[in-house]
PDB file of N, CA and C in Angstrom:
ATOM      1  N   MET A   1       0.910  -1.013   0.036  1.00  0.00           N
ATOM      2  CA  MET A   1      -0.150  -0.068  -0.109  1.00  0.00           C
ATOM      3  C   MET A   1       0.831   1.137   0.073  1.00  0.00           C
ATOM      4  N   ARG A   2       0.714   2.094  -0.909  1.00  0.00           N
ATOM      5  CA  ARG A   2       1.590   3.292  -1.150  1.00  0.00           C
ATOM      6  C   ARG A   2       1.083   4.377  -0.122  1.00  0.00           C
ATOM      7  N   THR A   3      -0.314   4.392  -0.193  1.00  0.00           N
ATOM      8  CA  THR A   3      -0.954   5.333   0.752  1.00  0.00           C
ATOM      9  C   THR A   3      -1.941   4.773   1.648  1.00  0.00           C
ATOM     10  N   PRO A   4      -1.546   4.478   2.816  1.00  0.00           N
ATOM     11  CA  PRO A   4      -2.348   3.577   3.798  1.00  0.00           C
ATOM     12  C   PRO A   4      -3.774   4.198   4.226  1.00  0.00           C
ATOM     13  N   PHE A   5      -3.700   5.577   3.988  1.00  0.00           N
ATOM     14  CA  PHE A   5      -4.888   6.401   4.927  1.00  0.00           C
ATOM     15  C   PHE A   5      -5.750   6.845   3.636  1.00  0.00           C
ATOM     16  N   GLU A   6      -5.466   6.571   2.396  1.00  0.00           N
ATOM     17  CA  GLU A   6      -6.420   7.223   1.560  1.00  0.00           C
ATOM     18  C   GLU A   6      -6.542   6.346   0.242  1.00  0.00           C
ATOM     19  N   GLY A   7      -7.368   6.367  -0.918  1.00  0.00           N
ATOM     20  CA  GLY A   7      -7.528   5.547  -1.917  1.00  0.00           C
ATOM     21  C   GLY A   7      -8.684   4.850  -1.934  1.00  0.00           C
ATOM     22  N   ILE A   8      -8.944   3.658  -2.553  1.00  0.00           N
ATOM     23  CA  ILE A   8      -9.820   2.779  -2.720  1.00  0.00           C
ATOM     24  C   ILE A   8     -10.460   1.948  -1.377  1.00  0.00           C
ATOM     25  N   GLY A   9     -11.566   1.755  -1.449  1.00  0.00           N
ATOM     26  CA  GLY A   9     -11.875   0.834  -0.393  1.00  0.00           C
ATOM     27  C   GLY A   9     -12.431   1.523   1.084  1.00  0.00           C
ATOM     28  N   LYS A  10     -12.539   2.893   0.763  1.00  0.00           N
ATOM     29  CA  LYS A  10     -13.127   3.905   2.016  1.00  0.00           C
ATOM     30  C   LYS A  10     -12.394   3.689   3.199  1.00  0.00           C
ATOM     31  N   PRO A  11     -10.875   3.912   3.227  1.00  0.00           N
ATOM     32  CA  PRO A  11     -10.144   3.702   4.439  1.00  0.00           C
ATOM     33  C   PRO A  11     -10.811   4.741   5.471  1.00  0.00           C
ATOM     34  N   GLU A  12     -10.791   4.163   6.785  1.00  0.00           N
ATOM     35  CA  GLU A  12     -11.444   4.869   7.919  1.00  0.00           C
ATOM     36  C   GLU A  12     -10.645   4.681   9.232  1.00  0.00           C
ATOM     37  N   PRO A  13     -10.330   5.420  10.011  1.00  0.00           N
ATOM     38  CA  PRO A  13      -9.736   5.118  11.249  1.00  0.00           C
ATOM     39  C   PRO A  13     -10.749   4.441  12.196  1.00  0.00           C
ATOM     40  N   LEU A  14     -10.256   3.565  12.962  1.00  0.00           N
ATOM     41  CA  LEU A  14     -11.026   2.887  13.981  1.00  0.00           C
ATOM     42  C   LEU A  14     -11.077   3.657  15.280  1.00  0.00           C
ATOM     43  N   ARG A  15     -12.116   3.303  16.261  1.00  0.00           N
ATOM     44  CA  ARG A  15     -12.221   3.666  17.441  1.00  0.00           C
ATOM     45  C   ARG A  15     -12.189   2.878  18.678  1.00  0.00           C
ATOM     46  N   PHE A  16     -12.203   3.253  19.826  1.00  0.00           N
ATOM     47  CA  PHE A  16     -12.638   2.755  20.821  1.00  0.00           C
ATOM     48  C   PHE A  16     -11.525   1.453  21.152  1.00  0.00           C
ATOM     49  N   GLY A  17     -11.739   0.375  21.063  1.00  0.00           N
ATOM     50  CA  GLY A  17     -10.691  -0.779  21.366  1.00  0.00           C
ATOM     51  C   GLY A  17      -9.836  -0.966  20.381  1.00  0.00           C
ATOM     52  N   LEU A  18     -10.120  -0.584  18.985  1.00  0.00           N
ATOM     53  CA  LEU A  18      -9.165  -0.887  18.004  1.00  0.00           C
ATOM     54  C   LEU A  18      -8.677   0.714  17.603  1.00  0.00           C
ATOM     55  N   GLN A  19      -8.318   1.581  18.437  1.00  0.00           N
ATOM     56  CA  GLN A  19      -7.811   2.873  18.236  1.00  0.00           C
ATOM     57  C   GLN A  19      -6.588   2.705  17.924  1.00  0.00           C
ATOM     58  N   GLY A  20      -6.201   3.415  16.683  1.00  0.00           N
ATOM     59  CA  GLY A  20      -4.846   3.265  16.018  1.00  0.00           C
ATOM     60  C   GLY A  20      -4.766   2.397  14.745  1.00  0.00           C
ATOM     61  N   ALA A  21      -5.885   1.644  14.520  1.00  0.00           N
ATOM     62  CA  ALA A  21      -6.213   0.580  13.587  1.00  0.00           C
ATOM     63  C   ALA A  21      -6.850   1.358  12.526  1.00  0.00           C
ATOM     64  N   TRP A  22      -6.691   0.843  11.372  1.00  0.00           N
ATOM     65  CA  TRP A  22      -7.617   1.322   9.996  1.00  0.00           C
ATOM     66  C   TRP A  22      -8.380   0.374   9.339  1.00  0.00           C
ATOM     67  N   SER A  23      -9.782   0.546   8.790  1.00  0.00           N
ATOM     68  CA  SER A  23     -10.264  -0.351   8.073  1.00  0.00           C
ATOM     69  C   SER A  23     -10.574   0.197   6.555  1.00  0.00           C
ATOM     70  N   ARG A  24     -10.568  -1.033   5.883  1.00  0.00           N
ATOM     71  CA  ARG A  24     -10.681  -0.901   4.299  1.00  0.00           C
ATOM     72  C   ARG A  24     -11.511  -1.642   3.727  1.00  0.00           C
ATOM     73  N   ARG A  25     -12.548  -1.450   3.019  1.00  0.00           N
ATOM     74  CA  ARG A  25     -13.609  -2.340   2.601  1.00  0.00           C
ATOM     75  C   ARG A  25     -13.007  -3.192   1.303  1.00  0.00           C
ATOM     76  N   ILE A  26     -13.139  -4.716   1.475  1.00  0.00           N
ATOM     77  CA  ILE A  26     -12.914  -5.453   0.434  1.00  0.00           C
ATOM     78  C   ILE A  26     -13.824  -5.625  -0.467  1.00  0.00           C
ATOM     79  N   ASP A  27     -15.254  -5.892   0.016  1.00  0.00           N
ATOM     80  CA  ASP A  27     -16.656  -5.966  -0.544  1.00  0.00           C
ATOM     81  C   ASP A  27     -17.620  -5.463   0.255  1.00  0.00           C
ATOM     82  N   HIS A  28     -18.819  -5.794  -0.065  1.00  0.00           N
ATOM     83  CA  HIS A  28     -20.088  -5.301   0.917  1.00  0.00           C
ATOM     84  C   HIS A  28     -19.920  -5.736   2.223  1.00  0.00           C
ATOM     85  N   ALA A  29     -19.487  -7.145   2.445  1.00  0.00           N
ATOM     86  CA  ALA A  29     -19.595  -7.619   3.698  1.00  0.00           C
ATOM     87  C   ALA A  29     -18.325  -7.761   4.526  1.00  0.00           C
ATOM     88  N   ASN A  30     -17.108  -7.753   3.804  1.00  0.00           N
ATOM     89  CA  ASN A  30     -15.810  -7.873   4.348  1.00  0.00           C
ATOM     90  C   ASN A  30     -14.900  -6.786   4.559  1.00  0.00           C
ATOM     91  N   ARG A  31     -14.181  -6.455   5.571  1.00  0.00           N
ATOM     92  CA  ARG A  31     -13.251  -5.505   5.760  1.00  0.00           C
ATOM     93  C   ARG A  31     -11.644  -6.010   5.890  1.00  0.00           C
ATOM     94  N   LEU A  32     -10.769  -5.186   5.542  1.00  0.00           N
ATOM     95  CA  LEU A  32      -9.404  -5.442   5.867  1.00  0.00           C
ATOM     96  C   LEU A  32      -9.118  -4.365   6.983  1.00  0.00           C
ATOM     97  N   VAL A  33      -8.552  -4.912   8.161  1.00  0.00           N
ATOM     98  CA  VAL A  33      -8.444  -4.214   9.365  1.00  0.00           C
ATOM     99  C   VAL A  33      -6.729  -4.112   9.538  1.00  0.00           C
ATOM    100  N   TYR A  34      -5.985  -3.112   9.714  1.00  0.00           N
ATOM    101  CA  TYR A  34      -4.584  -2.987   9.556  1.00  0.00           C
ATOM    102  C   TYR A  34      -4.207  -1.870  10.500  1.00  0.00           C
ATOM    103  N   VAL A  35      -2.743  -1.930  10.852  1.00  0.00           N
ATOM    104  CA  VAL A  35      -2.188  -0.995  11.743  1.00  0.00           C
ATOM    105  C   VAL A  35      -0.842  -0.415  11.121  1.00  0.00           C
ATOM    106  N   VAL A  36      -0.644   0.775  10.924  1.00  0.00           N
ATOM    107  CA  VAL A  36       0.433   1.267  10.181  1.00  0.00           C
ATOM    108  C   VAL A  36       1.520   1.607  11.091  1.00  0.00           C
ATOM    109  N   THR A  37       2.924   1.163  11.002  1.00  0.00           N
ATOM    110  CA  THR A  37       3.910   1.676  12.010  1.00  0.00           C
ATOM    111  C   THR A  37       4.826   2.654  10.952  1.00  0.00           C
ATOM    112  N   ASP A  38       5.913   2.734  11.308  1.00  0.00           N
ATOM    113  CA  ASP A  38       6.781   3.495  10.713  1.00  0.00           C
ATOM    114  C   ASP A  38       7.293   2.679   9.449  1.00  0.00           C
ATOM    115  N   ASP A  39       7.716   1.566   9.481  1.00  0.00           N
ATOM    116  CA  ASP A  39       8.214   0.717   8.430  1.00  0.00           C
ATOM    117  C   ASP A  39       7.547  -0.406   7.957  1.00  0.00           C
ATOM    118  N   ALA A  40       6.269  -0.457   8.492  1.00  0.00           N
ATOM    119  CA  ALA A  40       5.496  -1.836   8.173  1.00  0.00           C
ATOM    120  C   ALA A  40       3.949  -1.706   8.408  1.00  0.00           C
ATOM    121  N   ILE A  41       3.246  -2.398   7.806  1.00  0.00           N
ATOM    122  CA  ILE A  41       1.826  -2.730   7.688  1.00  0.00           C
ATOM    123  C   ILE A  41       1.420  -4.125   8.468  1.00  0.00           C
ATOM    124  N   ALA A  42       0.895  -3.943   9.544  1.00  0.00           N
ATOM    125  CA  ALA A  42       0.321  -5.333  10.132  1.00  0.00           C
ATOM    126  C   ALA A  42      -1.029  -5.523   9.954  1.00  0.00           C
ATOM    127  N   ILE A  43      -1.514  -6.589   9.177  1.00  0.00           N
ATOM    128  CA  ILE A  43      -2.849  -6.903   9.116  1.00  0.00           C
ATOM    129  C   ILE A  43      -3.489  -7.553  10.247  1.00  0.00           C
ATOM    130  N   VAL A  44      -4.459  -7.005  10.881  1.00  0.00           N
ATOM    131  CA  VAL A  44      -5.235  -7.288  12.158  1.00  0.00           C
ATOM    132  C   VAL A  44      -6.205  -8.354  11.662  1.00  0.00           C
ATOM    133  N   SER A  45      -7.202  -8.187  10.579  1.00  0.00           N
ATOM    134  CA  SER A  45      -8.128  -8.943  10.337  1.00  0.00           C
ATOM    135  C   SER A  45      -8.457  -8.812   8.870  1.00  0.00           C
ATOM    136  N   VAL A  46      -8.808  -9.919   8.137  1.00  0.00           N
ATOM    137  CA  VAL A  46      -9.325  -9.892   6.674  1.00  0.00           C
ATOM    138  C   VAL A  46     -10.831 -10.536   6.269  1.00  0.00           C
ATOM    139  N   ARG A  47     -11.710 -10.271   7.346  1.00  0.00           N
ATOM    140  CA  ARG A  47     -12.859 -10.791   7.135  1.00  0.00           C
ATOM    141  C   ARG A  47     -13.905 -10.412   8.278  1.00  0.00           C
ATOM    142  N   ASP A  48     -15.075 -10.496   7.787  1.00  0.00           N
ATOM    143  CA  ASP A  48     -16.178  -9.962   8.619  1.00  0.00           C
ATOM    144  C   ASP A  48     -16.052  -8.311   8.987  1.00  0.00           C
ATOM    145  N   HIS A  49     -17.031  -7.861   9.559  1.00  0.00           N
ATOM    146  CA  HIS A  49     -17.031  -6.529  10.065  1.00  0.00           C
ATOM    147  C   HIS A  49     -16.283  -6.365  11.269  1.00  0.00           C
ATOM    148  N   TYR A  50     -15.496  -5.425  11.380  1.00  0.00           N
ATOM    149  CA  TYR A  50     -14.625  -5.150  12.750  1.00  0.00           C
ATOM    150  C   TYR A  50     -15.150  -6.168  13.544  1.00  0.00           C
TER     151      TYR A  50
END
């Protein structure tokens, strides 16, 4: 991901228990949840809604 905070999939920051993580749509029912650090992107979840 060149720009983890913008682009397709409607990226949005998560709140509450997942604060610091971001969500991006894969399709209507599924989401990609990820955390961005200085030098890496960690995938938290690739299925279901948060």
